[in-house]
């Protein structure tokens, strides 16, 4: 297990700057996610770490070793691609053994490691099958076994679950995290799927336009985004424009929905009284009641409802506009739109962002 350091890395493709002087430190044994929309630079950064791309500026370290100009085969990384890149004319075992044969290991050692890798991904007894005889989920496990069998010091994953159906994606999220932790692997995982990142990552970096916009643990990035872009990218939220009215032990923001109190502004914020701002409130943060709480309360009506069993999603209309509200173990399904309801939110769940 090793640490990785990205030091002022810049990569250009013609006139396009894909990575802008990125700085990043990934700890040994950490499962680190690179997350962002298409074209944000996350795959370029992963391929730079793998050695398939050489940056024009900056350095990449594995531990204390500068690997910036080392070819991929000298970096001892295991790579798992979106397409799996399996050879259909080879058996499962032959696919998994390919990297070991390139390293000229003895046949008994290859067979031993292949068997261990297949057991790790729960494919014991399937080494003799051809790739077309496997399900999509099994093929994904073969690709993972092939990446692990070389005993890499770092595992690199480029949207490995994007070709699986929803059920298999959920299953493989758990498996990938289990395997990485059992192996003690430092893993770097690229995805644009927020749920995937939130469920697996130890930490994550949100990228936009080749810049890192925020780094943190999943709960930090989701609950305390530092910008409107990060808040919006990480999931559903309500954005409400406002102006800072007071800044004492917390912030008070005047909006069209009324006055909202927040415990703290976004990290690094320099907002002061009189500044324009926007508040972000996740739909699941609201509480509904038929009586008005004392603070952070909006009076309105439920105009539309989508009932999903364990949750219900409401379109809540008030004098200031419409809000998205999600209710766990719903009690207000069927509540008529002619009846007034009060939606309230804790100051802990109100994030104040610069506009």
Protein backbone atom coordinates (compact mmCIF):
# COMPACT_ATOMS: atom_id res chain seq x y z
CA UNK A 1 0.00 0.00 0.00
CA UNK A 2 1.37 3.37 -1.05
CA UNK A 3 0.48 7.03 -1.03
CA UNK A 4 0.03 9.03 -4.24
CA UNK A 5 0.92 12.68 -4.69
CA UNK A 6 -0.16 14.84 -7.61
CA UNK A 7 2.02 17.96 -7.63
CA UNK A 8 0.99 20.89 -9.86
CA UNK A 9 0.02 18.60 -12.75
CA UNK A 10 -1.10 20.27 -15.99
CA UNK A 11 -2.15 18.47 -19.17
CA UNK A 12 -3.08 20.08 -22.48
CA UNK A 13 -4.62 18.68 -25.64
CA UNK A 14 -3.97 21.33 -28.27
CA UNK A 15 -5.57 24.54 -27.05
CA UNK A 16 -7.63 22.69 -24.42
CA UNK A 17 -6.24 22.56 -20.89
CA UNK A 18 -7.62 19.31 -19.45
CA UNK A 19 -5.88 19.58 -16.06
CA UNK A 20 -4.98 22.91 -14.43
CA UNK A 21 -2.05 22.68 -11.97
CA UNK A 22 -3.72 20.01 -9.85
CA UNK A 23 -2.52 19.25 -6.33
CA UNK A 24 -3.77 16.10 -4.61
CA UNK A 25 -2.57 13.72 -1.89
CA UNK A 26 -4.05 10.22 -1.61
CA UNK A 27 -3.22 8.28 1.55
CA UNK A 28 -2.01 4.64 1.67
CA UNK A 29 -4.92 2.19 1.63
CA UNK A 30 -7.44 4.89 0.74
CA UNK A 31 -10.30 4.38 -1.73
CA UNK A 32 -10.29 7.74 -3.45
CA UNK A 33 -12.89 8.83 -6.01
CA UNK A 34 -12.50 11.29 -8.86
CA UNK A 35 -15.98 12.58 -9.53
CA UNK A 36 -17.40 15.08 -11.98
CA UNK A 37 -19.37 15.60 -15.18
CA UNK A 38 -18.18 14.46 -18.61
CA UNK A 39 -15.13 16.40 -19.77
CA UNK A 40 -14.08 17.57 -16.31
CA UNK A 41 -10.63 15.89 -16.47
CA UNK A 42 -11.14 12.90 -14.17
CA UNK A 43 -10.22 10.23 -16.75
CA UNK A 44 -7.26 12.31 -17.95
CA UNK A 45 -5.97 12.44 -14.39
CA UNK A 46 -6.46 8.67 -13.92
CA UNK A 47 -4.65 7.92 -17.18
CA UNK A 48 -1.83 10.25 -16.13
CA UNK A 49 -1.48 8.28 -12.90
CA UNK A 50 -1.48 5.02 -14.89
CA UNK A 51 1.23 6.32 -17.24
CA UNK A 52 -0.84 6.34 -20.45
CA UNK A 53 -0.63 10.15 -20.53
CA UNK A 54 2.41 12.27 -19.63
CA UNK A 55 1.60 15.74 -18.26
CA UNK A 56 3.36 18.82 -19.64
CA UNK A 57 3.90 20.21 -16.16
CA UNK A 58 4.06 18.87 -12.62
CA UNK A 59 5.04 15.55 -11.06
CA UNK A 60 3.37 12.33 -9.92
CA UNK A 61 4.77 10.40 -6.96
CA UNK A 62 4.07 6.84 -5.80
CA UNK A 63 5.24 7.11 -2.23
CA UNK A 64 8.55 8.99 -2.56
CA UNK A 65 9.26 7.73 -6.10
CA UNK A 66 8.77 10.15 -8.99
CA UNK A 67 6.94 8.13 -11.67
CA UNK A 68 5.95 11.04 -13.94
CA UNK A 69 7.90 9.73 -16.92
CA UNK A 70 7.82 6.01 -16.11
CA UNK A 71 5.96 3.80 -18.64
CA UNK A 72 2.78 2.05 -17.43
CA UNK A 73 4.37 -1.41 -17.04
CA UNK A 74 6.98 0.00 -14.62
CA UNK A 75 4.41 1.48 -12.22
CA UNK A 76 2.89 -1.80 -10.97
CA UNK A 77 -0.69 -0.56 -11.15
CA UNK A 78 -3.75 -2.68 -11.84
CA UNK A 79 -6.17 -1.05 -14.28
CA UNK A 80 -9.84 -1.88 -14.71
CA UNK A 81 -11.54 -0.35 -17.73
CA UNK A 82 -15.16 0.54 -18.43
CA UNK A 83 -15.27 -1.98 -21.31
CA UNK A 84 -13.50 -4.72 -19.23
CA UNK A 85 -11.11 -5.32 -22.24
CA UNK A 86 -11.31 -9.12 -21.93
CA UNK A 87 -10.08 -11.42 -24.70
CA UNK A 88 -13.00 -13.57 -25.96
CA UNK A 89 -10.75 -16.28 -27.43
CA UNK A 90 -9.15 -16.97 -24.03
CA UNK A 91 -10.60 -18.74 -21.02
CA UNK A 92 -11.30 -16.96 -17.75
CA UNK A 93 -8.08 -18.29 -16.23
CA UNK A 94 -6.04 -17.29 -19.30
CA UNK A 95 -7.45 -13.76 -19.17
CA UNK A 96 -6.55 -13.45 -15.50
CA UNK A 97 -3.07 -14.94 -16.05
CA UNK A 98 -2.12 -12.59 -18.88
CA UNK A 99 -0.27 -10.02 -16.75
CA UNK A 100 1.65 -12.73 -14.89
CA UNK A 101 2.75 -14.38 -18.13
CA UNK A 102 4.02 -11.00 -19.38
CA UNK A 103 6.11 -10.86 -16.20
CA UNK A 104 7.57 -14.32 -17.00
CA UNK A 105 6.51 -15.96 -13.72
CA UNK A 106 6.84 -19.72 -13.34
CA UNK A 107 3.76 -21.75 -14.32
CA UNK A 108 3.06 -23.12 -10.78
CA UNK A 109 3.17 -19.58 -9.36
CA UNK A 110 0.84 -18.32 -12.12
CA UNK A 111 -1.69 -21.08 -11.45
CA UNK A 112 -1.55 -20.44 -7.71
CA UNK A 113 -2.11 -16.69 -8.07
CA UNK A 114 -4.89 -17.10 -10.64
CA UNK A 115 -6.74 -19.48 -8.32
CA UNK A 116 -6.35 -17.01 -5.42
CA UNK A 117 -7.58 -14.09 -7.52
CA UNK A 118 -10.63 -16.00 -8.79
CA UNK A 119 -11.47 -17.03 -5.23
CA UNK A 120 -11.19 -13.43 -4.08
CA UNK A 121 -13.81 -12.31 -6.62
CA UNK A 122 -15.97 -15.41 -5.97
CA UNK A 123 -15.40 -17.12 -9.32
CA UNK A 124 -13.92 -20.40 -8.04
CA UNK A 125 -14.34 -23.24 -10.53
CA UNK A 126 -15.00 -20.99 -13.53
CA UNK A 127 -11.43 -20.72 -14.81
CA UNK A 128 -12.05 -23.01 -17.77
CA UNK A 129 -15.03 -21.08 -19.17
CA UNK A 130 -14.89 -18.74 -22.14
CA UNK A 131 -15.84 -15.09 -21.64
CA UNK A 132 -19.05 -15.35 -23.69
CA UNK A 133 -20.30 -18.01 -21.28
CA UNK A 134 -20.32 -15.52 -18.39
CA UNK A 135 -22.89 -12.96 -17.30
CA UNK A 136 -22.03 -9.26 -17.33
CA UNK A 137 -21.42 -9.31 -13.60
CA UNK A 138 -19.11 -12.31 -13.88
CA UNK A 139 -17.15 -10.65 -16.68
CA UNK A 140 -16.72 -7.62 -14.47
CA UNK A 141 -15.30 -9.87 -11.74
CA UNK A 142 -12.86 -11.41 -14.22
CA UNK A 143 -11.60 -7.95 -15.12
CA UNK A 144 -11.17 -7.18 -11.43
CA UNK A 145 -9.32 -10.47 -10.82
CA UNK A 146 -6.96 -9.70 -13.73
CA UNK A 147 -6.16 -6.30 -12.19
CA UNK A 148 -5.57 -7.82 -8.76
CA UNK A 149 -3.57 -10.91 -9.72
CA UNK A 150 -0.38 -8.91 -10.40
CA UNK A 151 -0.54 -7.69 -6.77
CA UNK A 152 -0.48 -4.01 -7.72
CA UNK A 153 0.60 -1.27 -5.38
CA UNK A 154 -2.29 0.80 -6.69
CA UNK A 155 -5.64 -0.16 -8.27
CA UNK A 156 -7.09 2.19 -10.91
CA UNK A 157 -10.76 1.89 -11.91
CA UNK A 158 -12.31 3.80 -14.82
CA UNK A 159 -16.12 3.70 -14.45
CA UNK A 160 -16.04 -0.09 -13.99
CA UNK A 161 -19.74 -0.52 -13.18
CA UNK A 162 -21.30 1.58 -15.93
CA UNK A 163 -22.22 -1.43 -18.11
CA UNK A 164 -24.04 -3.34 -15.35
CA UNK A 165 -27.72 -3.28 -14.48
CA UNK A 166 -28.90 -1.56 -11.31
CA UNK A 167 -28.95 -4.70 -9.12
CA UNK A 168 -25.45 -5.80 -10.14
CA UNK A 169 -24.10 -2.30 -9.64
CA UNK A 170 -25.27 -2.36 -6.03
CA UNK A 171 -23.75 -5.80 -5.48
CA UNK A 172 -20.40 -4.91 -7.03
CA UNK A 173 -20.10 -1.66 -5.06
CA UNK A 174 -19.92 -3.75 -1.91
CA UNK A 175 -17.55 -6.28 -3.47
CA UNK A 176 -15.08 -3.70 -4.74
CA UNK A 177 -14.88 -2.00 -1.37
CA UNK A 178 -14.49 -5.35 0.43
CA UNK A 179 -11.70 -6.49 -1.88
CA UNK A 180 -9.79 -3.20 -1.70
CA UNK A 181 -9.90 -3.24 2.09
CA UNK A 182 -8.95 -6.94 2.33
CA UNK A 183 -6.00 -6.39 -0.01
CA UNK A 184 -5.02 -3.12 1.69
CA UNK A 185 -5.04 -1.45 -1.72
CA UNK A 186 -4.74 2.19 -2.50
CA UNK A 187 -7.50 2.60 -5.09
CA UNK A 188 -8.39 5.51 -7.39
CA UNK A 189 -11.84 5.25 -8.89
CA UNK A 190 -13.33 7.42 -11.65
CA UNK A 191 -17.10 7.83 -11.96
CA UNK A 192 -19.81 10.38 -12.66
CA UNK A 193 -22.25 8.42 -10.45
CA UNK A 194 -22.74 10.24 -7.15
CA UNK A 195 -24.39 7.28 -5.38
CA UNK A 196 -21.51 5.01 -6.35
CA UNK A 197 -19.01 7.47 -4.92
CA UNK A 198 -20.96 8.11 -1.72
CA UNK A 199 -21.31 4.37 -1.01
CA UNK A 200 -17.68 3.31 -1.63
CA UNK A 201 -15.29 6.23 -1.19
CA UNK A 202 -13.16 7.03 1.82
CA UNK A 203 -12.62 10.48 0.28
CA UNK A 204 -13.41 12.11 -3.03
CA UNK A 205 -12.44 15.02 -5.25
CA UNK A 206 -15.04 16.88 -7.30
CA UNK A 207 -13.62 18.13 -10.62
CA UNK A 208 -14.94 20.77 -13.00
CA UNK A 209 -13.17 22.01 -16.11
CA UNK A 210 -9.84 20.50 -15.06
CA UNK A 211 -9.93 22.08 -11.59
CA UNK A 212 -10.54 20.38 -8.25
CA UNK A 213 -13.50 22.16 -6.66
CA UNK A 214 -13.68 20.24 -3.37
CA UNK A 215 -11.97 17.37 -1.57
CA UNK A 216 -13.43 15.57 1.42
CA UNK A 217 -15.19 12.58 2.91
CA UNK A 218 -18.51 11.65 1.27
CA UNK A 219 -20.60 13.06 4.13
CA UNK A 220 -18.63 16.33 4.09
CA UNK A 221 -19.02 16.87 0.36
CA UNK A 222 -22.72 15.99 0.38
CA UNK A 223 -23.75 17.89 3.50
CA UNK A 224 -21.27 20.78 3.33
CA UNK A 225 -20.58 21.66 -0.31
CA UNK A 226 -18.40 24.72 -0.83
CA UNK A 227 -20.06 25.95 -4.03
CA UNK A 228 -23.31 25.85 -5.94
CA UNK A 229 -21.67 23.59 -8.54
CA UNK A 230 -20.71 20.96 -5.95
CA UNK A 231 -24.08 21.13 -4.18
CA UNK A 232 -25.93 20.68 -7.47
CA UNK A 233 -23.66 17.93 -8.79
CA UNK A 234 -23.86 15.82 -5.62
CA UNK A 235 -27.63 15.41 -5.70
CA UNK A 236 -31.06 16.99 -5.56
CA UNK A 237 -31.24 20.24 -3.66
CA UNK A 238 -33.30 23.40 -3.32
CA UNK A 239 -31.46 26.61 -4.17
CA UNK A 240 -32.97 29.75 -2.66
CA UNK A 241 -31.57 33.20 -3.37
CA UNK A 242 -31.14 35.50 -0.40
CA UNK A 243 -29.15 38.18 1.36
CA UNK A 244 -27.17 37.89 4.59
CA UNK A 245 -29.10 39.74 7.32
CA UNK A 246 -26.96 38.87 10.34
CA UNK A 247 -23.68 37.09 11.04
CA UNK A 248 -23.23 36.43 14.73
CA UNK A 249 -22.90 32.87 16.04
CA UNK A 250 -24.44 31.74 12.76
CA UNK A 251 -25.87 33.31 9.64
CA UNK A 252 -29.35 34.66 9.10
CA UNK A 253 -30.47 34.91 5.48
CA UNK A 254 -33.51 36.82 4.23
CA UNK A 255 -35.26 35.09 1.29
CA UNK A 256 -38.59 35.14 -0.53
CA UNK A 257 -39.56 32.12 1.61
CA UNK A 258 -38.77 33.98 4.82
CA UNK A 259 -35.83 34.16 7.21
CA UNK A 260 -33.48 31.16 7.47
CA UNK A 261 -30.87 30.52 10.15
CA UNK A 262 -27.75 28.51 9.36
CA UNK A 263 -25.14 27.32 11.86
CA UNK A 264 -22.15 28.09 9.63
CA UNK A 265 -21.56 29.24 6.06
CA UNK A 266 -19.86 27.03 3.50
CA UNK A 267 -16.22 26.22 4.28
CA UNK A 268 -13.93 29.07 3.29
CA UNK A 269 -16.81 31.51 2.87
CA UNK A 270 -16.21 35.20 3.54
CA UNK A 271 -19.85 36.26 3.41
CA UNK A 272 -20.76 39.32 5.46
CA UNK A 273 -23.94 41.23 6.29
CA UNK A 274 -25.56 42.64 3.17
CA UNK A 275 -23.95 40.17 0.75
CA UNK A 276 -26.10 38.35 -1.76
CA UNK A 277 -25.98 34.57 -1.36
CA UNK A 278 -27.81 31.36 -2.14
CA UNK A 279 -28.83 28.69 0.36
CA UNK A 280 -28.89 24.99 -0.44
CA UNK A 281 -31.34 22.69 1.38
CA UNK A 282 -31.53 19.00 0.46
CA UNK A 283 -35.10 17.70 -0.15
CA UNK A 284 -34.77 15.06 2.58
CA UNK A 285 -33.82 17.69 5.19
CA UNK A 286 -37.32 19.13 5.44
CA UNK A 287 -39.81 18.07 8.12
CA UNK A 288 -43.55 18.40 7.51
CA UNK A 289 -46.13 19.19 10.16
CA UNK A 290 -49.62 20.67 10.56
CA UNK A 291 -48.43 23.16 13.18
CA UNK A 292 -45.79 25.83 12.63
CA UNK A 293 -42.36 25.36 14.28
CA UNK A 294 -40.70 28.51 15.61
CA UNK A 295 -37.94 28.97 13.03
CA UNK A 296 -36.81 28.04 9.53
CA UNK A 297 -40.41 27.36 8.57
CA UNK A 298 -42.26 27.75 5.28
CA UNK A 299 -46.06 27.59 5.04
CA UNK A 300 -47.46 26.08 1.86
CA UNK A 301 -49.35 23.26 0.20
CA UNK A 302 -48.52 19.88 -1.30
CA UNK A 303 -49.40 20.23 -4.98
CA UNK A 304 -47.98 16.99 -6.32
CA UNK A 305 -46.85 13.68 -4.83
CA UNK A 306 -44.85 10.70 -6.07
CA UNK A 307 -45.29 7.80 -3.62
CA UNK A 308 -42.36 5.35 -3.58
CA UNK A 309 -43.22 3.23 -0.54
CA UNK A 310 -40.45 4.04 1.92
CA UNK A 311 -40.37 7.64 0.70
CA UNK A 312 -42.62 10.18 -0.98
CA UNK A 313 -41.48 13.07 -3.16
CA UNK A 314 -43.56 16.23 -2.97
CA UNK A 315 -43.83 19.44 -4.93
CA UNK A 316 -44.46 21.94 -2.17
CA UNK A 317 -45.67 25.39 -3.19
CA UNK A 318 -45.40 28.47 -1.00
CA UNK A 319 -45.52 32.24 -1.45
CA UNK A 320 -41.84 32.25 -2.43
CA UNK A 321 -42.15 29.52 -5.07
CA UNK A 322 -41.93 25.73 -5.26
CA UNK A 323 -39.73 23.38 -3.19
CA UNK A 324 -38.76 19.73 -3.55
CA UNK A 325 -39.40 17.81 -0.33
CA UNK A 326 -38.74 14.11 0.32
CA UNK A 327 -40.45 12.46 3.28
CA UNK A 328 -39.17 9.18 4.76
CA UNK A 329 -41.91 6.83 6.00
CA UNK A 330 -44.44 9.25 4.48
CA UNK A 331 -47.40 10.54 6.48
CA UNK A 332 -48.61 13.31 4.18
CA UNK A 333 -49.49 11.22 1.11
CA UNK A 334 -53.01 12.15 0.08
CA UNK A 335 -52.89 15.38 2.04
CA UNK A 336 -55.13 17.69 0.01
CA UNK A 337 -53.65 20.69 -1.77
CA UNK A 338 -56.29 22.86 -0.12
CA UNK A 339 -54.83 22.21 3.35
CA UNK A 340 -51.93 24.26 4.68
CA UNK A 341 -48.78 22.41 5.73
CA UNK A 342 -45.60 23.68 7.37
CA UNK A 343 -42.15 22.64 6.15
CA UNK A 344 -39.23 23.27 8.51
CA UNK A 345 -35.51 22.60 8.42
CA UNK A 346 -32.75 22.47 11.02
CA UNK A 347 -30.07 25.20 10.85
CA UNK A 348 -27.54 22.34 10.52
CA UNK A 349 -29.07 21.48 7.13
CA UNK A 350 -29.01 25.00 5.68
CA UNK A 351 -25.83 25.60 3.66
CA UNK A 352 -25.13 29.23 2.77
CA UNK A 353 -23.13 29.67 -0.45
CA UNK A 354 -21.80 32.68 -2.31
CA UNK A 355 -23.99 33.55 -5.27
